[in-house]
Amino acid sequence: MQVLSDEQVASFHRDGYVMMADAVTPEDLAALKEVFADWIADSRSHGGPWGTTVDGRARFDVEPGHSAESPALRRVASPVEVSDVYLDVMRNARMVDAAAQLVGPNIEFNNAKVNSKQPGSATAVRFHQDFLYEPHTNDDLVAVLVFLDDVTLQNGPLEVVPGSPRGPMYE
């Protein structure tokens, strides 16, 4: 199914990224937010990382200074393993069709995570290239980001460098 325009596809192949409106439905977005809010509420009863993914990593990670009074959930590793909502969105949202349109129909899901920037958090995700952090055997990778909240200058927007996937790799 074609969900991206020819211009968006060309932009992806030129610049290495594309913005897609309505990648998930408003109903799915609300459900994702609700599950995440539940995880934040659950984090109040934990003083540090908790839970374990199938590969042994901490499922939930918190910021330094996290407390019941001031929860600061930083990351949820492999949310699709513990949330049917996240799994369903990963399998069925328009973004899946967009990924197939960009790299071909034989796409394979690798991993998922939720990175959180709670109000007042100190964690910054510095400039990096996803390509170096993802295990792979070819270069037709697509990272899909779904923002649960509107992105503004005040809440730490994502910055991309057009063409950087085609340039040198940095460590």
Protein backbone atom coordinates (compact mmCIF):
# COMPACT_ATOMS: atom_id res chain seq x y z
CA MET A 1 0.00 0.00 0.00
CA GLN A 2 1.40 3.39 -0.99
CA VAL A 3 1.14 5.82 1.93
CA LEU A 4 4.02 8.15 1.06
CA SER A 5 4.06 10.51 -1.89
CA ASP A 6 6.72 10.21 -4.58
CA GLU A 7 8.23 13.42 -3.15
CA GLN A 8 8.47 11.88 0.33
CA VAL A 9 10.16 8.76 -1.03
CA ALA A 10 12.63 10.89 -3.00
CA SER A 11 13.28 13.00 0.11
CA PHE A 12 14.03 9.86 2.15
CA HIS A 13 16.50 8.54 -0.41
CA ARG A 14 18.18 11.95 -0.70
CA ASP A 15 18.15 13.14 2.91
CA GLY A 16 17.87 9.92 4.90
CA TYR A 17 14.61 10.77 6.67
CA VAL A 18 11.01 11.63 5.97
CA MET A 19 8.27 13.13 8.11
CA MET A 20 4.90 11.39 7.98
CA ALA A 21 1.69 12.87 9.31
CA ASP A 22 -0.82 10.47 10.85
CA ALA A 23 1.62 7.55 11.03
CA VAL A 24 -0.67 6.16 13.73
CA THR A 25 -4.36 6.82 14.20
CA PRO A 26 -5.53 9.24 16.91
CA GLU A 27 -7.07 6.26 18.70
CA ASP A 28 -3.79 4.34 18.64
CA LEU A 29 -1.89 7.41 19.80
CA ALA A 30 -4.26 7.81 22.74
CA ALA A 31 -3.84 4.13 23.61
CA LEU A 32 -0.02 4.40 23.44
CA LYS A 33 -0.14 7.43 25.76
CA GLU A 34 -2.42 5.60 28.20
CA VAL A 35 -0.09 2.61 28.43
CA PHE A 36 2.90 4.90 28.91
CA ALA A 37 1.07 6.82 31.66
CA ASP A 38 0.45 3.49 33.40
CA TRP A 39 4.17 2.70 33.19
CA ILE A 40 4.99 6.07 34.74
CA ALA A 41 2.51 5.39 37.54
CA ASP A 42 4.07 1.94 38.09
CA SER A 43 7.55 3.50 38.18
CA ARG A 44 6.58 5.33 41.39
CA SER A 45 6.92 2.04 43.28
CA HIS A 46 10.46 1.36 42.03
CA GLY A 47 13.67 3.04 43.17
CA GLY A 48 15.70 2.04 40.13
CA PRO A 49 15.59 -0.02 36.96
CA TRP A 50 13.22 -3.00 37.08
CA GLY A 51 11.84 -5.77 34.94
CA THR A 52 13.78 -7.82 32.43
CA THR A 53 13.53 -8.16 28.66
CA VAL A 54 13.79 -11.56 26.99
CA ASP A 55 17.47 -10.82 26.28
CA GLY A 56 18.25 -9.89 29.89
CA ARG A 57 18.26 -6.08 29.82
CA ALA A 58 16.37 -3.94 32.32
CA ARG A 59 12.86 -3.41 30.95
CA PHE A 60 12.31 -0.05 32.65
CA ASP A 61 15.07 2.50 33.30
CA VAL A 62 14.72 5.64 35.37
CA GLU A 63 16.57 8.95 35.55
CA PRO A 64 18.87 9.80 38.45
CA GLY A 65 16.70 11.44 41.09
CA HIS A 66 13.64 9.37 40.21
CA SER A 67 11.24 9.03 43.15
CA ALA A 68 7.62 8.24 43.90
CA GLU A 69 6.95 11.97 44.27
CA SER A 70 8.81 12.89 41.09
CA PRO A 71 8.80 9.92 38.72
CA ALA A 72 11.33 10.08 35.91
CA LEU A 73 10.92 7.06 33.65
CA ARG A 74 13.70 7.34 31.07
CA ARG A 75 13.31 4.27 28.85
CA VAL A 76 11.14 1.24 28.25
CA ALA A 77 13.03 -1.52 26.43
CA SER A 78 11.04 -3.81 24.13
CA PRO A 79 7.58 -2.44 24.97
CA VAL A 80 6.08 -4.82 22.40
CA GLU A 81 6.93 -7.72 24.73
CA VAL A 82 4.68 -6.40 27.51
CA SER A 83 2.02 -4.34 25.74
CA ASP A 84 -0.48 -5.58 23.20
CA VAL A 85 -1.16 -1.95 22.30
CA TYR A 86 2.47 -1.30 21.36
CA LEU A 87 2.67 -4.65 19.54
CA ASP A 88 -0.49 -3.95 17.54
CA VAL A 89 0.69 -0.48 16.51
CA MET A 90 4.07 -1.90 15.48
CA ARG A 91 2.35 -4.48 13.30
CA ASN A 92 -0.51 -2.50 11.82
CA ALA A 93 0.09 1.25 11.71
CA ARG A 94 0.55 3.15 8.44
CA MET A 95 4.23 3.53 9.33
CA VAL A 96 4.72 -0.18 8.58
CA ASP A 97 3.45 0.37 5.03
CA ALA A 98 5.68 3.44 4.75
CA ALA A 99 8.76 1.43 5.78
CA ALA A 100 7.92 -1.22 3.17
CA GLN A 101 7.50 1.49 0.57
CA LEU A 102 10.97 2.84 1.38
CA VAL A 103 13.03 -0.36 1.51
CA GLY A 104 10.86 -3.04 -0.09
CA PRO A 105 8.14 -5.43 1.01
CA ASN A 106 10.31 -7.93 2.89
CA ILE A 107 10.71 -5.87 6.04
CA GLU A 108 11.64 -7.40 9.36
CA PHE A 109 11.04 -5.88 12.77
CA ASN A 110 14.25 -5.64 14.82
CA ASN A 111 13.46 -3.90 18.09
CA ALA A 112 11.46 -1.22 19.83
CA LYS A 113 12.01 1.11 22.74
CA VAL A 114 10.37 4.12 24.26
CA ASN A 115 12.71 6.98 25.09
CA SER A 116 11.12 9.48 27.41
CA LYS A 117 11.99 13.07 28.11
CA GLN A 118 9.91 13.88 31.16
CA PRO A 119 9.51 17.55 32.10
CA GLY A 120 12.64 18.74 33.88
CA SER A 121 14.66 15.63 33.09
CA ALA A 122 18.40 15.94 32.76
CA THR A 123 18.90 13.23 30.16
CA ALA A 124 19.93 14.39 26.73
CA VAL A 125 20.29 12.15 23.73
CA ARG A 126 23.36 13.53 22.03
CA PHE A 127 24.04 13.53 18.30
CA HIS A 128 24.45 9.99 17.06
CA GLN A 129 23.87 7.81 14.02
CA ASP A 130 21.42 4.97 14.62
CA PHE A 131 23.20 2.89 11.97
CA LEU A 132 26.14 2.24 14.32
CA TYR A 133 23.94 1.11 17.22
CA GLU A 134 21.67 -1.36 15.44
CA PRO A 135 22.88 -4.87 14.60
CA HIS A 136 22.51 -5.43 10.87
CA THR A 137 23.89 -7.27 7.87
CA ASN A 138 22.82 -4.82 5.17
CA ASP A 139 22.24 -1.09 4.91
CA ASP A 140 18.52 -0.87 4.18
CA LEU A 141 17.59 0.01 7.76
CA VAL A 142 14.67 2.21 8.70
CA ALA A 143 14.25 3.63 12.20
CA VAL A 144 10.70 4.74 12.89
CA LEU A 145 10.06 7.34 15.58
CA VAL A 146 6.58 8.00 16.88
CA PHE A 147 6.24 11.05 19.09
CA LEU A 148 3.55 10.65 21.74
CA ASP A 149 3.44 14.40 22.38
CA ASP A 150 3.75 17.41 20.13
CA VAL A 151 7.39 18.32 19.60
CA THR A 152 8.32 21.89 20.47
CA LEU A 153 11.57 23.75 21.07
CA GLN A 154 10.82 23.58 24.80
CA ASN A 155 10.57 19.80 25.04
CA GLY A 156 13.74 18.70 23.28
CA PRO A 157 13.00 18.21 19.61
CA LEU A 158 14.74 15.75 17.37
CA GLU A 159 17.34 17.29 15.09
CA VAL A 160 18.43 15.56 11.91
CA VAL A 161 21.24 16.33 9.48
CA PRO A 162 19.99 15.90 5.90
CA GLY A 163 22.17 13.49 3.97
CA SER A 164 24.08 12.25 7.03
CA PRO A 165 23.18 8.58 6.43
CA ARG A 166 25.13 8.83 3.18
CA GLY A 167 28.15 10.50 4.76
CA PRO A 168 30.92 9.21 7.00
CA MET A 169 30.14 7.14 10.08
CA TYR A 170 31.23 8.62 13.41
CA GLU A 171 31.84 6.83 16.71
